[in-house]
Amino acid sequence: MSLELEELYQEVILDHSRRPRNFGDLADAAVRVHGDNPACGDEIHLGVKFGPDGELQEIKFTGHGCAISQASASLMTMKLKGKSRAEAEGMLRAFHDLVTDETAEAPRTLGDLRMMQGVRKFPQRVKCAMLAWRAVEQALLQSAGEATISTETDFAVPQHRGLPDSAVTH
């Protein structure tokens, strides 16, 4: 990663962690997911409201944690709002690959989320970046109710649940 890109990465993370977007309680959420990352102390409470066609009509989060977990949640909610379940699952898989796979190329569809690519240089911080995504993964599995997830359990990347590769747009 070039010095300029690394500086931009740091600026984006700091901006979103200090002023997270879509931060707050979603009073009429259909699904609520509590997530924690015991290794770092990060916690997230994600609320999702689905539209008539199943799209993520509204998505908000509360919680606390390190700059990476808060920035990742902020960027994720911005990107997923209005997306269909299939689009959200495709982005989930693409983001997971972005922060874990050294050879993964960042798809343009991830937009500003591509700045999180630097996290893969610090394997211990991948769970921080993935916490919000683990929560949205769980939310996509249900239409209503509450659930709890942890970064200490296996991550079921959508591809392993039978999601076709065509659902990921590069």
C-alpha atoms as a PDB file:
ATOM      1  CA  MET A   1       0.000   0.000   0.000  1.00  0.00           C
ATOM      2  CA  SER A   2       1.444   3.352  -0.992  1.00  0.00           C
ATOM      3  CA  LEU A   3       2.103   6.007   1.630  1.00  0.00           C
ATOM      4  CA  GLU A   4      -0.634   8.224   0.165  1.00  0.00           C
ATOM      5  CA  LEU A   5      -3.164   5.384   0.251  1.00  0.00           C
ATOM      6  CA  GLU A   6      -2.154   4.481   3.800  1.00  0.00           C
ATOM      7  CA  GLU A   7      -2.710   8.075   4.919  1.00  0.00           C
ATOM      8  CA  LEU A   8      -6.115   8.107   3.237  1.00  0.00           C
ATOM      9  CA  TYR A   9      -6.937   4.778   4.926  1.00  0.00           C
ATOM     10  CA  GLN A  10      -6.124   6.305   8.315  1.00  0.00           C
ATOM     11  CA  GLU A  11      -8.142   9.454   7.575  1.00  0.00           C
ATOM     12  CA  VAL A  12     -11.222   7.469   6.500  1.00  0.00           C
ATOM     13  CA  ILE A  13     -11.069   5.236   9.578  1.00  0.00           C
ATOM     14  CA  LEU A  14     -10.618   8.176  11.936  1.00  0.00           C
ATOM     15  CA  ASP A  15     -13.425  10.168  10.307  1.00  0.00           C
ATOM     16  CA  HIS A  16     -15.929   7.304  10.477  1.00  0.00           C
ATOM     17  CA  SER A  17     -14.937   6.275  13.992  1.00  0.00           C
ATOM     18  CA  ARG A  18     -15.251   9.826  15.330  1.00  0.00           C
ATOM     19  CA  ARG A  19     -18.432  10.645  13.402  1.00  0.00           C
ATOM     20  CA  PRO A  20     -20.092   7.338  12.566  1.00  0.00           C
ATOM     21  CA  ARG A  21     -22.880   7.464  10.026  1.00  0.00           C
ATOM     22  CA  ASN A  22     -26.176   5.688  10.727  1.00  0.00           C
ATOM     23  CA  PHE A  23     -25.332   5.571  14.431  1.00  0.00           C
ATOM     24  CA  GLY A  24     -28.355   5.303  16.690  1.00  0.00           C
ATOM     25  CA  ASP A  25     -31.186   3.043  17.678  1.00  0.00           C
ATOM     26  CA  LEU A  26     -33.595   1.927  14.970  1.00  0.00           C
ATOM     27  CA  ALA A  27     -36.869   1.915  16.907  1.00  0.00           C
ATOM     28  CA  ASP A  28     -38.885  -0.036  14.326  1.00  0.00           C
ATOM     29  CA  ALA A  29     -36.177  -2.573  13.420  1.00  0.00           C
ATOM     30  CA  ALA A  30     -37.481  -5.942  12.299  1.00  0.00           C
ATOM     31  CA  VAL A  31     -34.200  -7.622  13.236  1.00  0.00           C
ATOM     32  CA  ARG A  32     -31.807  -6.752  16.039  1.00  0.00           C
ATOM     33  CA  VAL A  33     -28.418  -8.411  16.352  1.00  0.00           C
ATOM     34  CA  HIS A  34     -26.043  -8.009  19.260  1.00  0.00           C
ATOM     35  CA  GLY A  35     -22.456  -8.783  18.368  1.00  0.00           C
ATOM     36  CA  ASP A  36     -19.281  -8.873  20.355  1.00  0.00           C
ATOM     37  CA  ASN A  37     -15.583  -9.281  19.779  1.00  0.00           C
ATOM     38  CA  PRO A  38     -14.257 -10.553  23.124  1.00  0.00           C
ATOM     39  CA  ALA A  39     -10.634 -10.315  22.007  1.00  0.00           C
ATOM     40  CA  CYS A  40     -10.868  -6.530  21.613  1.00  0.00           C
ATOM     41  CA  GLY A  41     -13.925  -5.572  23.656  1.00  0.00           C
ATOM     42  CA  ASP A  42     -15.882  -4.292  20.649  1.00  0.00           C
ATOM     43  CA  GLU A  43     -19.684  -4.484  20.822  1.00  0.00           C
ATOM     44  CA  ILE A  44     -22.343  -3.665  18.274  1.00  0.00           C
ATOM     45  CA  HIS A  45     -26.119  -3.543  18.332  1.00  0.00           C
ATOM     46  CA  LEU A  46     -27.401  -3.628  14.767  1.00  0.00           C
ATOM     47  CA  GLY A  47     -30.962  -2.839  13.754  1.00  0.00           C
ATOM     48  CA  VAL A  48     -32.331  -3.650  10.304  1.00  0.00           C
ATOM     49  CA  LYS A  49     -35.672  -2.821   8.748  1.00  0.00           C
ATOM     50  CA  PHE A  50     -36.525  -4.622   5.525  1.00  0.00           C
ATOM     51  CA  GLY A  51     -38.585  -3.103   2.732  1.00  0.00           C
ATOM     52  CA  PRO A  52     -41.551  -4.732   0.978  1.00  0.00           C
ATOM     53  CA  ASP A  53     -39.232  -6.497  -1.479  1.00  0.00           C
ATOM     54  CA  GLY A  54     -36.832  -7.676   1.241  1.00  0.00           C
ATOM     55  CA  GLU A  55     -34.238  -4.952   0.647  1.00  0.00           C
ATOM     56  CA  LEU A  56     -32.377  -3.393   3.570  1.00  0.00           C
ATOM     57  CA  GLN A  57     -34.587  -0.333   3.812  1.00  0.00           C
ATOM     58  CA  GLU A  58     -32.946   1.029   6.961  1.00  0.00           C
ATOM     59  CA  ILE A  59     -29.887  -0.057   8.924  1.00  0.00           C
ATOM     60  CA  LYS A  60     -28.392   1.516  12.039  1.00  0.00           C
ATOM     61  CA  PHE A  61     -26.003   0.556  14.786  1.00  0.00           C
ATOM     62  CA  THR A  62     -24.974   1.482  18.288  1.00  0.00           C
ATOM     63  CA  GLY A  63     -22.189   0.165  20.429  1.00  0.00           C
ATOM     64  CA  HIS A  64     -18.601   0.870  21.223  1.00  0.00           C
ATOM     65  CA  GLY A  65     -15.215  -0.356  20.219  1.00  0.00           C
ATOM     66  CA  CYS A  66     -11.969   0.425  18.525  1.00  0.00           C
ATOM     67  CA  ALA A  67     -11.716   2.826  15.602  1.00  0.00           C
ATOM     68  CA  ILE A  68     -11.632  -0.021  13.077  1.00  0.00           C
ATOM     69  CA  SER A  69     -14.842  -1.680  14.302  1.00  0.00           C
ATOM     70  CA  GLN A  70     -16.734   1.619  14.457  1.00  0.00           C
ATOM     71  CA  ALA A  71     -15.489   2.791  11.051  1.00  0.00           C
ATOM     72  CA  SER A  72     -16.302  -0.564   9.463  1.00  0.00           C
ATOM     73  CA  ALA A  73     -19.856  -0.461  10.860  1.00  0.00           C
ATOM     74  CA  SER A  74     -20.341   3.115   9.676  1.00  0.00           C
ATOM     75  CA  LEU A  75     -19.063   2.415   6.164  1.00  0.00           C
ATOM     76  CA  MET A  76     -21.044  -0.831   5.976  1.00  0.00           C
ATOM     77  CA  THR A  77     -24.373   0.770   6.891  1.00  0.00           C
ATOM     78  CA  MET A  78     -23.865   3.485   4.309  1.00  0.00           C
ATOM     79  CA  LYS A  79     -23.112   0.946   1.596  1.00  0.00           C
ATOM     80  CA  LEU A  80     -25.849  -1.590   2.415  1.00  0.00           C
ATOM     81  CA  LYS A  81     -28.803   0.751   2.845  1.00  0.00           C
ATOM     82  CA  GLY A  82     -31.272   0.102   0.035  1.00  0.00           C
ATOM     83  CA  LYS A  83     -29.521  -3.052  -1.197  1.00  0.00           C
ATOM     84  CA  SER A  84     -31.283  -6.345  -1.822  1.00  0.00           C
ATOM     85  CA  ARG A  85     -30.396  -9.344   0.321  1.00  0.00           C
ATOM     86  CA  ALA A  86     -28.430 -10.855  -2.569  1.00  0.00           C
ATOM     87  CA  GLU A  87     -26.482  -7.618  -3.098  1.00  0.00           C
ATOM     88  CA  ALA A  88     -25.777  -7.374   0.638  1.00  0.00           C
ATOM     89  CA  GLU A  89     -24.546 -10.979   0.761  1.00  0.00           C
ATOM     90  CA  GLY A  90     -22.333 -10.334  -2.255  1.00  0.00           C
ATOM     91  CA  MET A  91     -20.811  -7.302  -0.553  1.00  0.00           C
ATOM     92  CA  LEU A  92     -20.364  -9.298   2.636  1.00  0.00           C
ATOM     93  CA  ARG A  93     -18.363 -11.912   0.788  1.00  0.00           C
ATOM     94  CA  ALA A  94     -16.364  -9.301  -1.124  1.00  0.00           C
ATOM     95  CA  PHE A  95     -15.542  -7.410   2.085  1.00  0.00           C
ATOM     96  CA  HIS A  96     -14.500 -10.612   3.858  1.00  0.00           C
ATOM     97  CA  ASP A  97     -12.155 -11.413   0.979  1.00  0.00           C
ATOM     98  CA  LEU A  98     -10.854  -7.840   0.981  1.00  0.00           C
ATOM     99  CA  VAL A  99      -9.711  -7.986   4.616  1.00  0.00           C
ATOM    100  CA  THR A 100      -8.528 -11.615   4.667  1.00  0.00           C
ATOM    101  CA  ASP A 101      -7.182 -12.587   1.241  1.00  0.00           C
ATOM    102  CA  GLU A 102      -3.802 -11.166   0.221  1.00  0.00           C
ATOM    103  CA  THR A 103      -4.597 -11.758  -3.452  1.00  0.00           C
ATOM    104  CA  ALA A 104      -8.127 -10.341  -3.436  1.00  0.00           C
ATOM    105  CA  GLU A 105      -8.609  -7.323  -5.601  1.00  0.00           C
ATOM    106  CA  ALA A 106     -10.957  -4.744  -4.144  1.00  0.00           C
ATOM    107  CA  PRO A 107     -14.127  -4.634  -6.251  1.00  0.00           C
ATOM    108  CA  ARG A 108     -15.175  -1.106  -7.186  1.00  0.00           C
ATOM    109  CA  THR A 109     -18.669  -1.867  -5.890  1.00  0.00           C
ATOM    110  CA  LEU A 110     -17.273  -1.673  -2.344  1.00  0.00           C
ATOM    111  CA  GLY A 111     -16.549   2.034  -2.811  1.00  0.00           C
ATOM    112  CA  ASP A 112     -15.021   3.609   0.309  1.00  0.00           C
ATOM    113  CA  LEU A 113     -14.992   0.205   2.004  1.00  0.00           C
ATOM    114  CA  ARG A 114     -11.910  -0.521  -0.110  1.00  0.00           C
ATOM    115  CA  MET A 115     -10.006   1.687   2.332  1.00  0.00           C
ATOM    116  CA  MET A 116     -10.385  -1.130   4.876  1.00  0.00           C
ATOM    117  CA  GLN A 117      -8.039  -3.297   2.793  1.00  0.00           C
ATOM    118  CA  GLY A 118      -5.164  -2.167   5.022  1.00  0.00           C
ATOM    119  CA  VAL A 119      -6.668  -4.173   7.897  1.00  0.00           C
ATOM    120  CA  ARG A 120      -5.396  -7.419   6.380  1.00  0.00           C
ATOM    121  CA  LYS A 121      -1.859  -6.327   7.244  1.00  0.00           C
ATOM    122  CA  PHE A 122      -2.911  -6.748  10.899  1.00  0.00           C
ATOM    123  CA  PRO A 123      -4.590 -10.167  11.241  1.00  0.00           C
ATOM    124  CA  GLN A 124      -5.545  -9.531  14.871  1.00  0.00           C
ATOM    125  CA  ARG A 125      -7.696  -6.571  13.690  1.00  0.00           C
ATOM    126  CA  VAL A 126      -9.668  -8.513  11.064  1.00  0.00           C
ATOM    127  CA  LYS A 127     -12.241  -9.512  13.707  1.00  0.00           C
ATOM    128  CA  CYS A 128     -12.679  -5.828  14.550  1.00  0.00           C
ATOM    129  CA  ALA A 129     -13.415  -4.998  10.914  1.00  0.00           C
ATOM    130  CA  MET A 130     -15.703  -8.014  10.500  1.00  0.00           C
ATOM    131  CA  LEU A 131     -17.858  -7.533  13.621  1.00  0.00           C
ATOM    132  CA  ALA A 132     -20.565  -5.419  11.955  1.00  0.00           C
ATOM    133  CA  TRP A 133     -20.509  -7.691   8.917  1.00  0.00           C
ATOM    134  CA  ARG A 134     -21.012 -10.754  11.122  1.00  0.00           C
ATOM    135  CA  ALA A 135     -24.036  -8.984  12.612  1.00  0.00           C
ATOM    136  CA  VAL A 136     -25.514  -8.163   9.207  1.00  0.00           C
ATOM    137  CA  GLU A 137     -24.826 -11.735   8.070  1.00  0.00           C
ATOM    138  CA  GLN A 138     -27.038 -12.939  10.925  1.00  0.00           C
ATOM    139  CA  ALA A 139     -29.689 -10.298  10.181  1.00  0.00           C
ATOM    140  CA  LEU A 140     -29.894 -11.505   6.575  1.00  0.00           C
ATOM    141  CA  LEU A 141     -30.669 -15.024   7.795  1.00  0.00           C
ATOM    142  CA  GLN A 142     -33.865 -13.904   9.498  1.00  0.00           C
ATOM    143  CA  SER A 143     -36.842 -11.688   8.777  1.00  0.00           C
ATOM    144  CA  ALA A 144     -37.627 -10.721  12.356  1.00  0.00           C
ATOM    145  CA  GLY A 145     -36.452 -11.185  15.910  1.00  0.00           C
ATOM    146  CA  GLU A 146     -33.250 -10.867  17.865  1.00  0.00           C
ATOM    147  CA  ALA A 147     -29.967 -12.741  17.782  1.00  0.00           C
ATOM    148  CA  THR A 148     -26.490 -12.668  19.266  1.00  0.00           C
ATOM    149  CA  ILE A 149     -23.234 -13.350  17.436  1.00  0.00           C
ATOM    150  CA  SER A 150     -19.577 -13.397  18.356  1.00  0.00           C
ATOM    151  CA  THR A 151     -16.381 -13.091  16.384  1.00  0.00           C
ATOM    152  CA  GLU A 152     -15.238 -16.213  18.237  1.00  0.00           C
ATOM    153  CA  THR A 153     -17.626 -18.455  16.278  1.00  0.00           C
ATOM    154  CA  ASP A 154     -17.141 -19.615  12.716  1.00  0.00           C
ATOM    155  CA  PHE A 155     -17.862 -17.124   9.982  1.00  0.00           C
ATOM    156  CA  ALA A 156     -20.192 -18.551   7.362  1.00  0.00           C
ATOM    157  CA  VAL A 157     -19.255 -16.593   4.260  1.00  0.00           C
ATOM    158  CA  PRO A 158     -22.412 -16.497   2.082  1.00  0.00           C
ATOM    159  CA  GLN A 159     -20.660 -18.466  -0.653  1.00  0.00           C
ATOM    160  CA  HIS A 160     -20.640 -21.466   1.682  1.00  0.00           C
ATOM    161  CA  ARG A 161     -24.408 -21.211   2.131  1.00  0.00           C
ATOM    162  CA  GLY A 162     -24.927 -21.777  -1.559  1.00  0.00           C
ATOM    163  CA  LEU A 163     -24.950 -18.174  -2.740  1.00  0.00           C
ATOM    164  CA  PRO A 164     -24.073 -18.235  -6.443  1.00  0.00           C
ATOM    165  CA  ASP A 165     -20.916 -16.453  -7.496  1.00  0.00           C
ATOM    166  CA  SER A 166     -23.026 -14.321  -9.823  1.00  0.00           C
ATOM    167  CA  ALA A 167     -24.450 -12.501  -6.782  1.00  0.00           C
ATOM    168  CA  VAL A 168     -21.107 -10.783  -6.334  1.00  0.00           C
ATOM    169  CA  THR A 169     -20.573  -7.911  -8.698  1.00  0.00           C
ATOM    170  CA  HIS A 170     -17.011  -6.838  -9.348  1.00  0.00           C
END
